[in-house]
Protein backbone atom coordinates (compact mmCIF):
# COMPACT_ATOMS: atom_id res chain seq x y z
CA MET A 1 17.37 3.19 7.85
CA LYS A 2 13.99 1.55 7.37
CA ARG A 3 15.29 -0.46 4.41
CA LEU A 4 18.35 -1.50 6.44
CA PHE A 5 16.25 -2.74 9.37
CA ILE A 6 13.89 -4.59 7.03
CA PHE A 7 16.84 -6.07 5.22
CA LEU A 8 18.03 -7.51 8.53
CA CYS A 9 14.63 -8.89 9.26
CA LEU A 10 14.45 -10.42 5.78
CA MET A 11 17.76 -12.28 6.11
CA PRO A 12 15.99 -15.50 7.16
CA LEU A 13 14.25 -15.46 3.79
CA ILE A 14 17.55 -15.82 2.03
CA PHE A 15 18.26 -18.96 3.91
CA LEU A 16 14.74 -20.40 4.14
CA LEU A 17 13.98 -20.12 0.55
CA SER A 18 17.41 -21.25 -0.63
CA CYS A 19 17.01 -24.46 1.35
CA GLU A 20 13.77 -25.37 -0.54
CA ASN A 21 13.32 -26.19 -4.14
CA VAL A 22 9.74 -25.03 -4.43
CA ASP A 23 7.66 -23.38 -7.14
CA LEU A 24 6.26 -20.21 -5.74
CA ALA A 25 4.63 -19.15 -8.99
CA GLU A 26 0.90 -18.23 -9.08
CA PRO A 27 -1.30 -18.59 -12.15
CA ALA A 28 -1.16 -15.12 -13.73
CA VAL A 29 -2.71 -15.01 -17.18
CA SER A 30 -3.17 -12.54 -20.00
CA CYS A 31 -6.21 -10.27 -19.29
CA SER A 32 -8.65 -8.30 -21.42
CA ALA A 33 -8.14 -4.58 -21.31
CA SER A 34 -11.17 -2.44 -22.14
CA ASN A 35 -11.42 -0.59 -25.44
CA GLN A 36 -10.99 2.83 -23.67
CA SER A 37 -9.67 5.53 -25.85
CA PHE A 38 -6.59 7.14 -24.20
CA ASN A 39 -5.19 10.64 -24.78
CA TYR A 40 -2.09 11.86 -23.05
CA ASP A 41 0.59 14.16 -24.56
CA HIS A 42 3.52 12.26 -22.98
CA ALA A 43 2.25 8.70 -23.45
CA THR A 44 4.78 7.69 -26.09
CA GLU A 45 7.72 9.17 -24.20
CA ILE A 46 6.73 7.43 -20.99
CA GLN A 47 5.99 4.12 -22.69
CA ASN A 48 9.53 4.18 -24.15
CA ILE A 49 10.83 4.60 -20.61
CA LEU A 50 8.89 1.63 -19.33
CA ASN A 51 10.00 -0.52 -22.27
CA ARG A 52 13.67 0.44 -21.71
CA TYR A 53 13.62 -0.43 -18.05
CA ALA A 54 11.79 -3.65 -18.60
CA ALA A 55 14.45 -4.59 -21.09
CA LEU A 56 17.18 -3.77 -18.42
CA GLY A 57 15.54 -6.22 -15.97
CA VAL A 58 12.56 -4.69 -14.10
CA PRO A 59 10.16 -7.67 -14.07
CA GLY A 60 6.98 -5.74 -14.81
CA VAL A 61 5.67 -2.23 -14.49
CA SER A 62 2.36 -0.45 -14.98
CA ILE A 63 1.36 3.18 -14.80
CA GLY A 64 -1.79 5.30 -14.77
CA VAL A 65 -1.90 9.04 -15.37
CA LYS A 66 -4.73 11.49 -15.28
CA THR A 67 -5.02 15.26 -15.82
CA THR A 68 -8.17 17.41 -15.97
CA THR A 69 -8.56 16.62 -19.70
CA GLN A 70 -6.42 13.60 -20.35
CA GLU A 71 -5.95 10.00 -19.22
CA TRP A 72 -3.64 7.23 -20.04
CA ALA A 73 -2.36 3.82 -18.81
CA GLY A 74 0.62 1.86 -19.93
CA ALA A 75 2.55 -1.24 -19.06
CA ALA A 76 5.88 -3.11 -19.86
CA GLY A 77 7.63 -6.31 -18.92
CA PHE A 78 5.90 -9.37 -17.61
CA ALA A 79 3.05 -10.17 -15.18
CA LYS A 80 4.64 -13.64 -14.98
CA ILE A 81 8.13 -14.10 -16.23
CA GLU A 82 8.12 -17.90 -16.31
CA ASP A 83 5.24 -18.11 -18.78
CA ARG A 84 6.21 -14.88 -20.66
CA ILE A 85 2.80 -13.30 -19.76
CA PRO A 86 3.11 -9.63 -20.75
CA MET A 87 2.20 -7.06 -18.18
CA GLN A 88 -1.10 -5.37 -19.15
CA ILE A 89 -2.98 -2.43 -17.72
CA CYS A 90 -5.76 -4.91 -16.72
CA HIS A 91 -3.44 -6.72 -14.44
CA LEU A 92 -4.00 -6.19 -10.65
CA GLN A 93 -1.20 -4.48 -8.82
CA TYR A 94 -0.52 -4.69 -5.11
CA ALA A 95 -1.35 -1.51 -3.04
CA GLN A 96 0.74 -2.54 -0.07
CA SER A 97 0.69 0.42 2.34
CA LEU A 98 -1.30 2.49 -0.07
CA SER A 99 -4.22 0.57 1.40
CA LYS A 100 -3.95 2.79 4.47
CA THR A 101 -5.37 5.71 2.60
CA TYR A 102 -8.52 3.70 1.77
CA THR A 103 -8.83 2.65 5.40
CA ALA A 104 -8.43 6.31 6.51
CA VAL A 105 -11.25 7.47 4.12
CA LEU A 106 -13.59 4.84 5.63
CA VAL A 107 -12.75 6.03 9.17
CA MET A 108 -13.38 9.65 8.02
CA MET A 109 -16.85 8.60 6.65
CA LEU A 110 -17.69 7.24 10.06
CA TYR A 111 -16.43 10.53 11.55
CA GLU A 112 -18.81 12.36 9.21
CA ASP A 113 -21.58 10.03 10.33
CA GLY A 114 -20.94 10.87 13.95
CA ILE A 115 -19.97 7.29 14.76
CA ILE A 116 -16.33 7.87 15.46
CA LYS A 117 -14.74 10.84 17.26
CA LEU A 118 -11.18 11.51 16.08
CA ASP A 119 -9.96 12.62 19.61
CA ALA A 120 -11.57 9.80 21.53
CA ALA A 121 -9.37 7.20 23.14
CA ILE A 122 -9.18 3.97 21.21
CA GLN A 123 -10.16 2.00 24.28
CA ASP A 124 -13.66 3.49 23.67
CA TYR A 125 -13.89 1.67 20.35
CA LEU A 126 -11.79 -1.45 20.45
CA PRO A 127 -13.03 -4.70 21.99
CA ALA A 128 -11.89 -4.90 25.65
CA LYS A 129 -9.92 -8.17 24.88
CA ILE A 130 -7.66 -6.03 22.64
CA SER A 131 -7.57 -2.63 24.34
CA THR A 132 -6.62 -4.11 27.75
CA ARG A 133 -3.51 -5.69 26.11
CA LEU A 134 -2.43 -2.38 24.42
CA ARG A 135 -0.33 0.00 26.58
CA GLY A 136 -1.74 3.53 26.46
CA SER A 137 -5.05 2.68 24.89
CA ASN A 138 -6.65 5.11 27.30
CA LYS A 139 -4.39 7.97 25.93
CA VAL A 140 -3.97 7.03 22.18
CA THR A 141 -6.68 8.56 20.07
CA VAL A 142 -8.20 7.63 16.73
CA ARG A 143 -6.45 10.70 15.20
CA MET A 144 -3.06 9.49 16.54
CA LEU A 145 -3.60 6.13 14.78
CA LEU A 146 -4.40 7.96 11.59
CA ASN A 147 -1.37 10.28 11.61
CA HIS A 148 1.12 7.85 13.17
CA THR A 149 1.66 9.72 16.41
CA SER A 150 0.38 6.86 18.65
CA GLY A 151 3.69 5.59 19.95
CA ILE A 152 2.38 2.05 19.64
CA PHE A 153 4.90 -0.67 18.59
CA ASP A 154 5.01 -1.69 14.97
CA TYR A 155 4.47 -5.43 14.65
CA ALA A 156 6.49 -5.33 11.29
CA TYR A 157 9.59 -4.57 13.19
CA ASP A 158 9.39 -7.64 15.47
CA TYR A 159 12.10 -10.04 14.40
CA SER A 160 10.17 -13.07 15.49
CA TYR A 161 7.19 -12.02 13.48
CA VAL A 162 9.20 -11.78 10.27
CA THR A 163 11.03 -15.04 10.77
CA ASP A 164 7.80 -16.85 11.69
CA LEU A 165 6.04 -15.43 8.61
CA LEU A 166 8.76 -16.37 6.15
CA SER A 167 9.31 -19.82 7.57
CA ASN A 168 5.56 -20.62 7.18
CA GLN A 169 4.76 -19.40 3.69
CA ASP A 170 1.48 -21.22 3.49
CA LYS A 171 0.20 -20.16 6.83
CA PHE A 172 -2.56 -17.55 7.29
CA TYR A 173 -2.04 -15.07 10.06
CA ASP A 174 -5.17 -13.39 11.47
CA TYR A 175 -5.19 -10.18 13.45
CA HIS A 176 -4.92 -12.11 16.80
CA ARG A 177 -1.63 -13.58 15.75
CA ILE A 178 -0.27 -10.22 14.36
CA LEU A 179 -1.37 -8.31 17.48
CA SER A 180 0.37 -10.85 19.65
CA TYR A 181 3.63 -9.19 18.60
CA VAL A 182 2.36 -5.90 20.00
CA TYR A 183 0.46 -6.83 23.12
CA ASP A 184 1.84 -5.57 26.47
CA LYS A 185 4.78 -3.88 24.82
CA GLU A 186 5.74 -0.43 26.19
CA LEU A 187 4.88 2.63 24.10
CA ARG A 188 7.73 3.89 22.13
CA PHE A 189 7.06 7.51 23.11
CA GLU A 190 4.31 9.56 24.72
CA PRO A 191 1.21 9.53 22.47
CA GLY A 192 0.89 12.61 20.34
CA SER A 193 4.46 13.79 21.02
CA LYS A 194 6.10 12.82 17.70
CA TYR A 195 5.56 11.12 14.33
CA GLU A 196 6.68 7.57 13.75
CA TYR A 197 5.16 5.49 10.94
CA CYS A 198 3.57 2.36 12.33
CA ASN A 199 1.61 -0.42 10.54
CA THR A 200 -0.06 -1.53 13.74
CA ASN A 201 -2.02 1.77 13.78
CA TYR A 202 -3.97 0.77 10.74
CA GLU A 203 -4.54 -2.77 11.83
CA LEU A 204 -6.31 -1.24 14.89
CA LEU A 205 -8.26 1.16 12.77
CA ALA A 206 -9.69 -1.70 10.79
CA LEU A 207 -10.74 -3.43 13.98
CA ILE A 208 -12.31 -0.14 15.24
CA ILE A 209 -14.43 0.05 12.03
CA ASP A 210 -15.52 -3.60 12.52
CA GLN A 211 -16.44 -3.02 16.12
CA VAL A 212 -18.42 0.33 15.87
CA THR A 213 -20.35 -0.71 12.76
CA GLY A 214 -20.83 -4.41 13.46
CA LYS A 215 -19.80 -5.02 9.79
CA ASP A 216 -16.70 -6.20 8.14
CA HIS A 217 -14.67 -3.27 7.04
CA GLY A 218 -13.83 -4.93 3.73
CA ILE A 219 -17.47 -5.19 2.86
CA MET A 220 -17.98 -1.61 3.94
CA MET A 221 -15.06 -0.46 1.83
CA ALA A 222 -16.58 -2.00 -1.26
CA GLU A 223 -19.95 -0.45 -0.54
CA ARG A 224 -18.87 3.06 0.48
CA ILE A 225 -15.69 3.55 -1.61
CA PHE A 226 -15.35 1.17 -4.48
CA LYS A 227 -19.02 1.32 -5.73
CA PRO A 228 -19.52 5.07 -5.56
CA ALA A 229 -16.10 5.78 -7.14
CA GLY A 230 -16.76 3.32 -9.92
CA LEU A 231 -13.78 1.09 -8.91
CA THR A 232 -14.90 -2.07 -10.64
CA GLN A 233 -11.28 -3.46 -10.81
CA THR A 234 -10.39 -3.08 -7.05
CA SER A 235 -10.56 -5.82 -4.41
CA TYR A 236 -9.99 -5.92 -0.69
CA ARG A 237 -10.94 -8.84 1.47
CA ASN A 238 -14.36 -9.33 -0.18
CA LYS A 239 -13.86 -13.04 0.23
CA LEU A 240 -11.28 -15.31 1.81
CA ASN A 241 -9.51 -16.19 -1.32
CA TYR A 242 -9.82 -12.82 -3.10
CA LEU A 243 -6.22 -12.95 -4.07
CA ASP A 244 -6.69 -16.09 -5.99
CA ASN A 245 -7.26 -14.05 -9.10
CA PRO A 246 -5.58 -14.91 -12.43
CA ASN A 247 -5.29 -11.23 -13.27
CA LEU A 248 -3.07 -10.66 -10.18
CA VAL A 249 0.57 -10.17 -11.09
CA ASN A 250 3.29 -12.65 -9.92
CA CYS A 251 5.89 -11.11 -7.67
CA TYR A 252 9.68 -11.17 -7.61
CA LEU A 253 12.51 -10.52 -5.24
CA ASN A 254 16.18 -9.80 -5.64
CA ARG A 255 16.88 -11.50 -2.25
CA ARG A 256 20.75 -11.55 -2.47
CA SER A 257 21.12 -8.20 -4.03
CA ASP A 258 22.82 -9.80 -7.01
CA ASN A 259 21.84 -10.14 -10.68
CA LYS A 260 19.01 -12.68 -10.01
CA ILE A 261 15.37 -12.39 -9.15
CA GLU A 262 13.15 -15.17 -7.91
CA ASN A 263 9.40 -15.69 -7.89
CA VAL A 264 8.02 -15.11 -4.31
CA SER A 265 4.32 -14.98 -5.29
CA ARG A 266 3.09 -17.51 -2.73
CA ALA A 267 4.87 -15.78 0.14
CA GLN A 268 3.57 -12.41 -1.10
CA VAL A 269 0.00 -13.60 -1.27
CA ASN A 270 0.01 -15.09 2.21
CA ASN A 271 1.69 -12.05 3.66
CA VAL A 272 -0.73 -9.62 2.07
CA LYS A 273 -3.85 -11.49 2.95
CA SER A 274 -2.72 -11.71 6.56
CA MET A 275 -2.97 -8.01 7.08
CA ILE A 276 -6.01 -5.80 7.59
CA GLY A 277 -6.25 -2.05 7.27
CA ASP A 278 -2.56 -1.41 6.68
CA ASP A 279 -2.27 -3.53 3.54
CA GLY A 280 -4.31 -6.03 1.41
CA LEU A 281 -5.81 -4.06 -1.58
CA VAL A 282 -5.16 -4.90 -5.22
CA ALA A 283 -6.41 -2.89 -8.24
CA THR A 284 -5.54 -1.88 -11.82
CA PRO A 285 -3.50 1.32 -12.45
CA LEU A 286 -6.51 3.46 -13.54
CA ASP A 287 -8.64 2.32 -10.60
CA TYR A 288 -5.95 3.66 -8.25
CA VAL A 289 -5.93 6.92 -10.08
CA HIS A 290 -9.71 7.18 -10.09
CA PHE A 291 -9.79 6.54 -6.30
CA LEU A 292 -7.55 9.49 -5.51
CA GLU A 293 -9.44 11.71 -8.04
CA ALA A 294 -12.73 10.77 -6.35
CA LEU A 295 -11.24 11.56 -2.94
CA ARG A 296 -9.77 14.98 -3.77
CA GLN A 297 -12.92 15.99 -5.72
CA GLY A 298 -15.10 15.46 -2.73
CA ARG A 299 -17.04 12.46 -4.01
CA LEU A 300 -16.08 10.26 -1.05
CA VAL A 301 -15.88 12.69 1.89
CA LYS A 302 -16.90 16.34 2.16
CA LYS A 303 -14.40 19.05 1.45
CA GLU A 304 -14.26 20.03 5.12
CA THR A 305 -13.40 16.45 6.00
CA LEU A 306 -10.69 16.33 3.35
CA ASP A 307 -9.19 19.47 4.91
CA VAL A 308 -9.01 17.64 8.25
CA MET A 309 -7.21 14.79 6.41
CA TYR A 310 -4.78 17.43 5.19
CA THR A 311 -3.87 18.44 8.69
CA TRP A 312 -0.11 17.56 8.71
CA VAL A 313 2.16 16.43 11.47
CA ASN A 314 5.90 17.13 11.31
CA ASP A 315 8.87 14.82 11.02
CA ASP A 316 11.84 15.03 13.30
CA LYS A 317 13.21 17.83 11.15
CA GLY A 318 10.14 19.90 11.79
CA LYS A 319 8.76 19.53 8.22
CA PRO A 320 5.21 18.40 7.26
CA THR A 321 5.14 14.75 6.57
CA TYR A 322 1.81 12.98 7.15
CA GLY A 323 -1.89 13.82 7.52
CA LEU A 324 -4.73 11.39 8.20
CA GLY A 325 -3.80 8.49 5.93
CA ILE A 326 -2.17 10.88 3.43
CA ASP A 327 1.47 11.43 2.74
CA TYR A 328 2.92 14.88 2.22
CA THR A 329 5.93 14.72 -0.07
CA PHE A 330 7.91 16.50 -2.74
CA LYS A 331 8.91 14.93 -6.03
CA LYS A 332 11.12 16.92 -8.40
CA ASP A 333 10.39 19.98 -6.13
CA LYS A 334 6.69 19.53 -6.72
CA LEU A 335 4.41 18.99 -3.77
CA GLY A 336 2.36 15.76 -3.90
CA PHE A 337 -0.43 14.21 -1.77
CA GLY A 338 -1.01 10.50 -1.74
CA HIS A 339 0.73 7.39 -0.48
CA SER A 340 3.33 4.80 -1.48
CA GLY A 341 3.68 1.12 -0.71
CA GLY A 342 6.39 -1.50 -0.60
CA GLY A 343 6.50 -5.10 0.26
CA LEU A 344 8.22 -8.41 -0.24
CA GLY A 345 7.28 -8.66 -3.95
CA ALA A 346 5.85 -5.37 -5.02
CA GLY A 347 6.01 -1.59 -4.79
CA CYS A 348 3.92 1.36 -5.86
CA LEU A 349 3.15 5.09 -5.43
CA LEU A 350 0.01 7.10 -5.95
CA TYR A 351 0.16 10.91 -5.84
CA TYR A 352 -1.65 13.98 -6.96
CA PHE A 353 0.53 17.00 -7.84
CA PRO A 354 -1.62 20.10 -7.59
CA GLU A 355 0.79 22.46 -9.32
CA LYS A 356 0.59 20.26 -12.45
CA ASP A 357 -2.88 19.04 -11.79
CA VAL A 358 -1.81 15.48 -12.55
CA THR A 359 -2.44 12.21 -10.69
CA LEU A 360 0.19 9.39 -11.07
CA PHE A 361 0.12 5.71 -10.10
CA LEU A 362 3.29 3.63 -10.75
CA GLY A 363 3.52 0.02 -9.71
CA VAL A 364 6.11 -2.75 -10.11
CA ASN A 365 5.92 -6.53 -9.28
CA LEU A 366 9.35 -6.40 -7.56
CA GLY A 367 10.07 -6.28 -3.91
CA VAL A 368 11.50 -2.86 -3.06
CA LEU A 369 12.49 -3.27 0.57
CA ILE A 370 15.95 -4.74 -0.11
CA GLU A 371 18.39 -2.50 -1.82
CA GLY A 372 20.15 -3.94 -4.90
CA PRO A 373 20.67 -3.54 -8.65
CA TYR A 374 17.03 -4.09 -9.49
CA THR A 375 15.62 -1.61 -6.95
CA LYS A 376 18.10 0.97 -8.33
CA LEU A 377 16.58 0.43 -11.75
CA VAL A 378 13.15 1.07 -10.34
CA GLU A 379 14.36 4.27 -8.67
CA GLN A 380 16.00 5.50 -11.86
CA MET A 381 12.85 4.64 -13.88
CA GLU A 382 10.57 6.49 -11.36
CA ASP A 383 12.95 9.47 -11.61
CA GLU A 384 12.79 9.64 -15.42
CA ILE A 385 8.95 9.29 -15.42
CA LEU A 386 8.52 12.01 -12.80
CA ILE A 387 10.75 14.35 -14.85
CA VAL A 388 8.51 13.89 -17.82
CA ILE A 389 5.20 14.21 -15.96
CA LEU A 390 6.17 17.14 -13.74
CA ARG A 391 8.10 19.32 -16.11
């Protein structure tokens, strides 16, 4: 259902881009991977899978895997098809909604510091100029933002937002503009009564961090997450043009669900840098893996705090689905904790599977929101990889 709705919202892109003869390519280049020595029992088998699906048409793919004793990263396809730049493990991949987990960790750090109370109303922390325009800000709590039970309207599902964004590919949208699609809208349900995934929740969390600390949450994320976890190849809003990085992959979209893909890198960059809290982060495959490892090992927040993050809310079928910035899912009948992300020109997943004690990141530079032959290839590739890793 989510893909269908987003497809309808993306329909203007089909017409807007087809009316222009523009070069959307960004300057991706070959990068220099470290001389790290890898050791993973299934590396050759997985690399063969990556190579096969890249040959079938997946633009580019990269992977990071870590167990207690082994670590490996691989890649296949192209970071930029037009210049035949091969995808490498040092290329930066888009996190998309996986960024939410990083934002949640920063909120939980402030919870540990006694600066934020999870069950306080968001009107206590947001600037008045924002909270007074949000219906229910006196009832919605920080916890409800974190676990998507707020009932607040999701800006990403506003048709006028999508059309405006895609018709102005060079335009930067700050949070004022994004929240204008949410202001004064009725709550979708009584806060705390049900789960409904909502990107606006994490936009608001980023603004709460800024407000209560007096610092930019992007700078804080670098200081309190990236640096202590050793994430030297991760970036998030550390400067205005942080996405102008030659190691960042180009992005592609199969916009007509046919046998053609097109470069949508410019639109991707401007979309991603317009969002705060719910999107915006880029990193290498192993940096993603190392982040989740640092989180679950208690190197970012205390074990007691992680247990709070593992407090699950149920979906409409009564099954656990989401914690505080962490997704609860099953892959090949194996329980996984982490998050996934999908956007106009990229998609990824990052999960830890406790039964197998393995952490997996998988990223593609292909838009995964519109179903078509290329997204089916990605799904089949993911399926084969999971079978190997989780068997």
